[in-house]
Amino acid sequence: MTEQQKKQIIVLRKQFFGYKAIAEKLNLSVNTVKSFCRRNALTVSTPVTTASSTNTCKCCGTSISQTPKRKLKLFCSNKCRNTWWNSHLELVERKANYDYVCSFCHKSFTAYGNSHRKYCSHSCYVADRF
């Protein structure tokens, strides 16, 4: 890395450019730019803003104190998180759905999270076993 590139990195970083943008402008590796910035204390923390209000709970709307350099908090408590997700089940991405045929009644059913089910219900299990 040349002295001219080092000066450009300093200027661009002070203008809030990210590592990737600087690397693309100067034809350098992202890791090279990141290492140089960290060694020279050029880590610029900018406030994180999103379309939604970042300082209020998605469920109840109360104020949330955000911890710097941590993941953005969306909910004020576990109770609010559970309430919100239970009322927005259509947004849950369920990837562990399994389709089966019951060993007793031969009906097809879908099970979530258990890849080894044999029966569609407890009553079918009891009827088949005993």
N, C-alpha and C. Protein backbone atom coordinates (compact mmCIF):
# COMPACT_ATOMS: atom_id res chain seq x y z
N MET A 1 0.85 -1.17 0.00
CA MET A 1 0.00 0.00 0.00
C MET A 1 0.90 1.24 0.00
N THR A 2 0.58 2.15 -0.90
CA THR A 2 1.41 3.36 -1.03
C THR A 2 0.98 4.42 -0.01
N GLU A 3 1.82 5.41 0.14
CA GLU A 3 1.50 6.52 1.05
C GLU A 3 0.27 7.29 0.57
N GLN A 4 0.13 7.41 -0.74
CA GLN A 4 -1.04 8.10 -1.31
C GLN A 4 -2.32 7.34 -0.95
N GLN A 5 -2.29 6.02 -1.03
CA GLN A 5 -3.47 5.22 -0.68
C GLN A 5 -3.79 5.35 0.81
N LYS A 6 -2.76 5.39 1.64
CA LYS A 6 -2.98 5.56 3.07
C LYS A 6 -3.67 6.89 3.37
N LYS A 7 -3.24 7.94 2.69
CA LYS A 7 -3.86 9.26 2.88
C LYS A 7 -5.32 9.25 2.41
N GLN A 8 -5.58 8.57 1.29
CA GLN A 8 -6.94 8.48 0.78
C GLN A 8 -7.85 7.70 1.73
N ILE A 9 -7.31 6.64 2.32
CA ILE A 9 -8.09 5.86 3.28
C ILE A 9 -8.48 6.73 4.46
N ILE A 10 -7.55 7.53 4.96
CA ILE A 10 -7.82 8.41 6.10
C ILE A 10 -8.92 9.41 5.74
N VAL A 11 -8.82 10.01 4.56
CA VAL A 11 -9.81 11.00 4.13
C VAL A 11 -11.19 10.35 3.96
N LEU A 12 -11.23 9.22 3.29
CA LEU A 12 -12.52 8.54 3.05
C LEU A 12 -13.14 8.04 4.34
N ARG A 13 -12.31 7.56 5.25
CA ARG A 13 -12.85 7.05 6.52
C ARG A 13 -13.45 8.17 7.35
N LYS A 14 -12.84 9.35 7.29
CA LYS A 14 -13.39 10.50 8.02
C LYS A 14 -14.69 11.00 7.39
N GLN A 15 -14.94 10.60 6.13
CA GLN A 15 -16.20 10.93 5.47
C GLN A 15 -17.23 9.82 5.64
N PHE A 16 -16.98 8.92 6.60
CA PHE A 16 -17.89 7.82 6.96
C PHE A 16 -18.04 6.76 5.88
N PHE A 17 -17.04 6.57 5.04
CA PHE A 17 -17.07 5.47 4.08
C PHE A 17 -16.75 4.17 4.80
N GLY A 18 -17.34 3.09 4.37
CA GLY A 18 -17.09 1.78 4.96
C GLY A 18 -15.85 1.14 4.37
N TYR A 19 -15.40 0.07 5.01
CA TYR A 19 -14.19 -0.63 4.55
C TYR A 19 -14.34 -1.13 3.13
N LYS A 20 -15.50 -1.70 2.82
CA LYS A 20 -15.72 -2.28 1.49
C LYS A 20 -15.72 -1.20 0.41
N ALA A 21 -16.36 -0.07 0.69
CA ALA A 21 -16.41 1.02 -0.29
C ALA A 21 -15.02 1.58 -0.54
N ILE A 22 -14.24 1.73 0.52
CA ILE A 22 -12.88 2.24 0.36
C ILE A 22 -12.03 1.24 -0.43
N ALA A 23 -12.17 -0.04 -0.12
CA ALA A 23 -11.39 -1.06 -0.81
C ALA A 23 -11.71 -1.08 -2.30
N GLU A 24 -12.98 -0.93 -2.66
CA GLU A 24 -13.35 -0.91 -4.07
C GLU A 24 -12.82 0.32 -4.78
N LYS A 25 -12.85 1.49 -4.12
CA LYS A 25 -12.35 2.72 -4.75
C LYS A 25 -10.85 2.66 -5.01
N LEU A 26 -10.13 2.04 -4.07
CA LEU A 26 -8.67 2.05 -4.17
C LEU A 26 -8.08 0.75 -4.71
N ASN A 27 -8.94 -0.20 -5.11
CA ASN A 27 -8.49 -1.51 -5.60
C ASN A 27 -7.58 -2.22 -4.60
N LEU A 28 -8.04 -2.25 -3.34
CA LEU A 28 -7.32 -2.94 -2.28
C LEU A 28 -8.21 -4.02 -1.69
N SER A 29 -7.62 -4.90 -0.91
CA SER A 29 -8.39 -5.91 -0.20
C SER A 29 -9.13 -5.25 0.96
N VAL A 30 -10.33 -5.75 1.23
CA VAL A 30 -11.11 -5.22 2.34
C VAL A 30 -10.36 -5.42 3.65
N ASN A 31 -9.71 -6.57 3.80
CA ASN A 31 -8.95 -6.85 5.03
C ASN A 31 -7.76 -5.91 5.19
N THR A 32 -7.15 -5.51 4.10
CA THR A 32 -6.03 -4.57 4.16
C THR A 32 -6.51 -3.22 4.67
N VAL A 33 -7.64 -2.76 4.14
CA VAL A 33 -8.20 -1.48 4.57
C VAL A 33 -8.61 -1.56 6.04
N LYS A 34 -9.27 -2.65 6.40
CA LYS A 34 -9.73 -2.81 7.79
C LYS A 34 -8.55 -2.82 8.76
N SER A 35 -7.50 -3.55 8.41
CA SER A 35 -6.31 -3.62 9.28
C SER A 35 -5.67 -2.25 9.44
N PHE A 36 -5.52 -1.53 8.34
CA PHE A 36 -4.92 -0.20 8.40
C PHE A 36 -5.75 0.73 9.28
N CYS A 37 -7.08 0.70 9.11
CA CYS A 37 -7.95 1.58 9.89
C CYS A 37 -7.89 1.25 11.38
N ARG A 38 -7.88 -0.02 11.70
CA ARG A 38 -7.83 -0.40 13.12
C ARG A 38 -6.48 -0.08 13.75
N ARG A 39 -5.40 -0.27 13.01
CA ARG A 39 -4.08 0.06 13.54
C ARG A 39 -3.91 1.55 13.79
N ASN A 40 -4.59 2.36 12.98
CA ASN A 40 -4.45 3.81 13.08
C ASN A 40 -5.66 4.47 13.74
N ALA A 41 -6.45 3.71 14.45
CA ALA A 41 -7.61 4.20 15.20
C ALA A 41 -8.56 4.99 14.32
N LEU A 42 -8.87 4.45 13.14
CA LEU A 42 -9.79 5.10 12.22
C LEU A 42 -11.15 4.42 12.21
N THR A 43 -11.48 3.73 13.28
CA THR A 43 -12.79 3.10 13.37
C THR A 43 -13.80 4.18 13.73
N VAL A 44 -14.69 4.45 12.81
CA VAL A 44 -15.67 5.51 12.98
C VAL A 44 -17.00 4.86 13.31
N SER A 45 -17.54 5.20 14.46
CA SER A 45 -18.85 4.64 14.82
C SER A 45 -19.92 5.65 14.45
N THR A 46 -20.79 5.24 13.56
CA THR A 46 -21.90 6.09 13.16
C THR A 46 -23.17 5.54 13.78
N PRO A 47 -24.11 6.38 14.10
CA PRO A 47 -25.36 5.88 14.69
C PRO A 47 -26.11 5.00 13.70
N VAL A 48 -26.62 3.87 14.20
CA VAL A 48 -27.36 2.94 13.37
C VAL A 48 -28.80 3.43 13.30
N THR A 49 -29.28 3.62 12.08
CA THR A 49 -30.67 4.04 11.92
C THR A 49 -31.36 3.09 10.96
N THR A 50 -32.59 2.77 11.27
CA THR A 50 -33.40 1.94 10.40
C THR A 50 -34.69 2.66 10.14
N ALA A 51 -35.54 2.05 9.28
CA ALA A 51 -36.81 2.68 8.95
C ALA A 51 -37.73 2.77 10.16
N SER A 52 -37.70 1.74 11.01
CA SER A 52 -38.55 1.78 12.20
C SER A 52 -37.82 2.51 13.31
N SER A 53 -38.55 2.85 14.34
CA SER A 53 -37.95 3.53 15.47
C SER A 53 -37.04 2.57 16.21
N THR A 54 -35.78 2.92 16.36
CA THR A 54 -34.81 1.99 16.94
C THR A 54 -34.79 2.05 18.46
N ASN A 55 -35.44 3.03 19.07
CA ASN A 55 -35.35 3.17 20.51
C ASN A 55 -36.63 2.80 21.22
N THR A 56 -37.60 2.20 20.54
CA THR A 56 -38.83 1.80 21.18
C THR A 56 -39.11 0.33 20.93
N CYS A 57 -39.78 -0.30 21.88
CA CYS A 57 -40.14 -1.70 21.79
C CYS A 57 -41.16 -1.90 20.68
N LYS A 58 -41.00 -2.97 19.86
CA LYS A 58 -41.94 -3.24 18.77
C LYS A 58 -43.31 -3.63 19.29
N CYS A 59 -43.39 -4.13 20.52
CA CYS A 59 -44.66 -4.61 21.06
C CYS A 59 -45.40 -3.52 21.84
N CYS A 60 -44.77 -2.98 22.86
CA CYS A 60 -45.48 -2.06 23.75
C CYS A 60 -45.12 -0.59 23.53
N GLY A 61 -44.03 -0.31 22.81
CA GLY A 61 -43.66 1.07 22.50
C GLY A 61 -42.87 1.78 23.57
N THR A 62 -42.46 1.08 24.63
CA THR A 62 -41.67 1.73 25.66
C THR A 62 -40.25 1.97 25.17
N SER A 63 -39.59 2.89 25.80
CA SER A 63 -38.24 3.27 25.43
C SER A 63 -37.25 2.15 25.78
N ILE A 64 -36.29 1.89 24.87
CA ILE A 64 -35.26 0.87 25.09
C ILE A 64 -33.91 1.55 25.05
N SER A 65 -33.07 1.26 26.05
CA SER A 65 -31.71 1.81 26.02
C SER A 65 -30.82 0.85 25.25
N GLN A 66 -30.19 1.35 24.21
CA GLN A 66 -29.33 0.54 23.34
C GLN A 66 -27.90 0.57 23.88
N THR A 67 -27.23 -0.58 23.83
CA THR A 67 -25.84 -0.68 24.25
C THR A 67 -24.96 -0.49 23.02
N PRO A 68 -23.99 0.44 23.07
CA PRO A 68 -23.12 0.65 21.91
C PRO A 68 -22.36 -0.62 21.54
N LYS A 69 -22.16 -0.81 20.24
CA LYS A 69 -21.42 -1.93 19.67
C LYS A 69 -22.05 -3.28 19.99
N ARG A 70 -23.34 -3.30 20.25
CA ARG A 70 -24.08 -4.53 20.50
C ARG A 70 -25.21 -4.64 19.50
N LYS A 71 -25.79 -5.81 19.41
CA LYS A 71 -26.91 -6.03 18.52
C LYS A 71 -28.08 -5.13 18.93
N LEU A 72 -28.78 -4.62 17.96
CA LEU A 72 -29.89 -3.71 18.20
C LEU A 72 -31.03 -4.43 18.90
N LYS A 73 -31.49 -3.89 20.03
CA LYS A 73 -32.59 -4.49 20.76
C LYS A 73 -33.90 -4.04 20.12
N LEU A 74 -34.80 -4.99 19.87
CA LEU A 74 -36.09 -4.69 19.29
C LEU A 74 -37.22 -4.73 20.31
N PHE A 75 -36.99 -5.43 21.42
CA PHE A 75 -38.02 -5.60 22.44
C PHE A 75 -37.45 -5.25 23.80
N CYS A 76 -38.33 -4.79 24.70
CA CYS A 76 -37.88 -4.39 26.03
C CYS A 76 -37.74 -5.57 26.97
N SER A 77 -38.42 -6.69 26.70
CA SER A 77 -38.36 -7.85 27.58
C SER A 77 -38.72 -9.11 26.80
N ASN A 78 -38.49 -10.25 27.42
CA ASN A 78 -38.87 -11.53 26.80
C ASN A 78 -40.38 -11.64 26.67
N LYS A 79 -41.11 -11.10 27.62
CA LYS A 79 -42.57 -11.14 27.57
C LYS A 79 -43.06 -10.41 26.31
N CYS A 80 -42.53 -9.23 26.04
CA CYS A 80 -42.93 -8.48 24.84
C CYS A 80 -42.50 -9.22 23.57
N ARG A 81 -41.30 -9.80 23.59
CA ARG A 81 -40.82 -10.53 22.41
C ARG A 81 -41.75 -11.70 22.09
N ASN A 82 -42.09 -12.48 23.11
CA ASN A 82 -42.98 -13.62 22.90
C ASN A 82 -44.37 -13.19 22.46
N THR A 83 -44.89 -12.14 23.06
CA THR A 83 -46.21 -11.64 22.69
C THR A 83 -46.24 -11.20 21.24
N TRP A 84 -45.21 -10.45 20.82
CA TRP A 84 -45.18 -9.94 19.45
C TRP A 84 -45.08 -11.08 18.45
N TRP A 85 -44.16 -12.04 18.67
CA TRP A 85 -43.99 -13.14 17.72
C TRP A 85 -45.22 -14.04 17.69
N ASN A 86 -45.90 -14.24 18.82
CA ASN A 86 -47.11 -15.05 18.83
C ASN A 86 -48.25 -14.38 18.08
N SER A 87 -48.25 -13.06 18.01
CA SER A 87 -49.28 -12.37 17.26
C SER A 87 -48.89 -12.14 15.79
N HIS A 88 -47.67 -12.48 15.41
CA HIS A 88 -47.20 -12.35 14.03
C HIS A 88 -46.62 -13.68 13.54
N LEU A 89 -47.37 -14.74 13.68
CA LEU A 89 -46.88 -16.07 13.30
C LEU A 89 -46.59 -16.20 11.81
N GLU A 90 -47.23 -15.37 10.98
CA GLU A 90 -47.00 -15.45 9.54
C GLU A 90 -45.58 -15.04 9.17
N LEU A 91 -44.87 -14.34 10.05
CA LEU A 91 -43.51 -13.90 9.79
C LEU A 91 -42.46 -14.92 10.23
N VAL A 92 -42.88 -15.95 10.96
CA VAL A 92 -41.96 -16.97 11.44
C VAL A 92 -41.57 -17.88 10.28
N GLU A 93 -40.28 -18.06 10.08
CA GLU A 93 -39.79 -18.93 9.02
C GLU A 93 -39.55 -20.32 9.61
N ARG A 94 -40.50 -21.19 9.43
CA ARG A 94 -40.38 -22.55 9.97
C ARG A 94 -39.77 -23.44 8.90
N LYS A 95 -38.60 -23.95 9.18
CA LYS A 95 -37.87 -24.73 8.19
C LYS A 95 -37.89 -26.23 8.50
N ALA A 96 -38.35 -26.62 9.68
CA ALA A 96 -38.28 -28.02 10.08
C ALA A 96 -39.66 -28.67 10.04
N ASN A 97 -40.39 -28.50 8.95
CA ASN A 97 -41.69 -29.15 8.78
C ASN A 97 -41.48 -30.49 8.07
N TYR A 98 -42.09 -31.55 8.63
CA TYR A 98 -41.95 -32.89 8.07
C TYR A 98 -43.33 -33.46 7.78
N ASP A 99 -43.50 -34.10 6.63
CA ASP A 99 -44.76 -34.72 6.25
C ASP A 99 -44.67 -36.23 6.47
N TYR A 100 -45.69 -36.78 7.13
CA TYR A 100 -45.72 -38.20 7.46
C TYR A 100 -47.10 -38.78 7.21
N VAL A 101 -47.17 -40.12 7.30
CA VAL A 101 -48.44 -40.85 7.30
C VAL A 101 -48.48 -41.61 8.62
N CYS A 102 -49.57 -41.46 9.35
CA CYS A 102 -49.74 -42.08 10.67
C CYS A 102 -49.69 -43.61 10.54
N SER A 103 -48.94 -44.27 11.41
CA SER A 103 -48.81 -45.73 11.38
C SER A 103 -50.10 -46.44 11.77
N PHE A 104 -50.99 -45.75 12.50
CA PHE A 104 -52.22 -46.39 12.96
C PHE A 104 -53.42 -46.06 12.07
N CYS A 105 -53.71 -44.78 11.89
CA CYS A 105 -54.92 -44.39 11.14
C CYS A 105 -54.65 -44.11 9.66
N HIS A 106 -53.40 -44.08 9.25
CA HIS A 106 -52.96 -43.87 7.86
C HIS A 106 -53.37 -42.52 7.29
N LYS A 107 -53.55 -41.52 8.15
CA LYS A 107 -53.80 -40.15 7.69
C LYS A 107 -52.46 -39.45 7.52
N SER A 108 -52.40 -38.54 6.57
CA SER A 108 -51.18 -37.76 6.42
C SER A 108 -51.22 -36.58 7.40
N PHE A 109 -50.05 -36.24 7.96
CA PHE A 109 -49.96 -35.12 8.90
C PHE A 109 -48.59 -34.48 8.77
N THR A 110 -48.50 -33.27 9.27
CA THR A 110 -47.25 -32.51 9.25
C THR A 110 -46.78 -32.31 10.68
N ALA A 111 -45.50 -32.59 10.94
CA ALA A 111 -44.92 -32.39 12.27
C ALA A 111 -43.83 -31.34 12.15
N TYR A 112 -43.75 -30.48 13.16
CA TYR A 112 -42.72 -29.45 13.17
C TYR A 112 -41.64 -29.83 14.18
N GLY A 113 -40.41 -29.90 13.73
CA GLY A 113 -39.27 -30.07 14.61
C GLY A 113 -38.93 -31.50 14.99
N ASN A 114 -39.76 -32.47 14.68
CA ASN A 114 -39.48 -33.85 15.04
C ASN A 114 -39.42 -34.68 13.76
N SER A 115 -38.26 -35.16 13.43
CA SER A 115 -38.10 -35.89 12.17
C SER A 115 -38.33 -37.38 12.32
N HIS A 116 -38.76 -37.86 13.51
CA HIS A 116 -38.93 -39.29 13.74
C HIS A 116 -40.33 -39.66 14.23
N ARG A 117 -41.32 -38.86 13.94
CA ARG A 117 -42.67 -39.18 14.43
C ARG A 117 -43.29 -40.31 13.64
N LYS A 118 -44.15 -41.08 14.33
CA LYS A 118 -44.84 -42.19 13.68
C LYS A 118 -46.35 -42.03 13.73
N TYR A 119 -46.82 -41.29 14.72
CA TYR A 119 -48.27 -41.18 14.93
C TYR A 119 -48.69 -39.71 14.86
N CYS A 120 -49.94 -39.51 14.41
CA CYS A 120 -50.45 -38.15 14.28
C CYS A 120 -50.93 -37.59 15.61
N SER A 121 -51.25 -38.44 16.56
CA SER A 121 -51.73 -37.96 17.86
C SER A 121 -51.41 -38.98 18.94
N HIS A 122 -51.59 -38.56 20.18
CA HIS A 122 -51.35 -39.45 21.31
C HIS A 122 -52.36 -40.60 21.32
N SER A 123 -53.58 -40.31 20.93
CA SER A 123 -54.60 -41.37 20.93
C SER A 123 -54.27 -42.47 19.91
N CYS A 124 -53.72 -42.12 18.77
CA CYS A 124 -53.29 -43.13 17.79
C CYS A 124 -52.13 -43.95 18.34
N TYR A 125 -51.22 -43.30 19.04
CA TYR A 125 -50.09 -43.99 19.65
C TYR A 125 -50.60 -45.01 20.67
N VAL A 126 -51.51 -44.59 21.55
CA VAL A 126 -52.04 -45.48 22.59
C VAL A 126 -52.82 -46.64 21.95
N ALA A 127 -53.64 -46.36 20.96
CA ALA A 127 -54.43 -47.40 20.29
C ALA A 127 -53.54 -48.42 19.60
N ASP A 128 -52.46 -47.99 19.00
CA ASP A 128 -51.58 -48.92 18.29
C ASP A 128 -50.71 -49.73 19.25
N ARG A 129 -50.24 -49.10 20.31
CA ARG A 129 -49.33 -49.77 21.25
C ARG A 129 -50.06 -50.75 22.17
N PHE A 130 -51.25 -50.39 22.64
CA PHE A 130 -51.89 -51.19 23.68
C PHE A 130 -53.15 -51.80 23.15
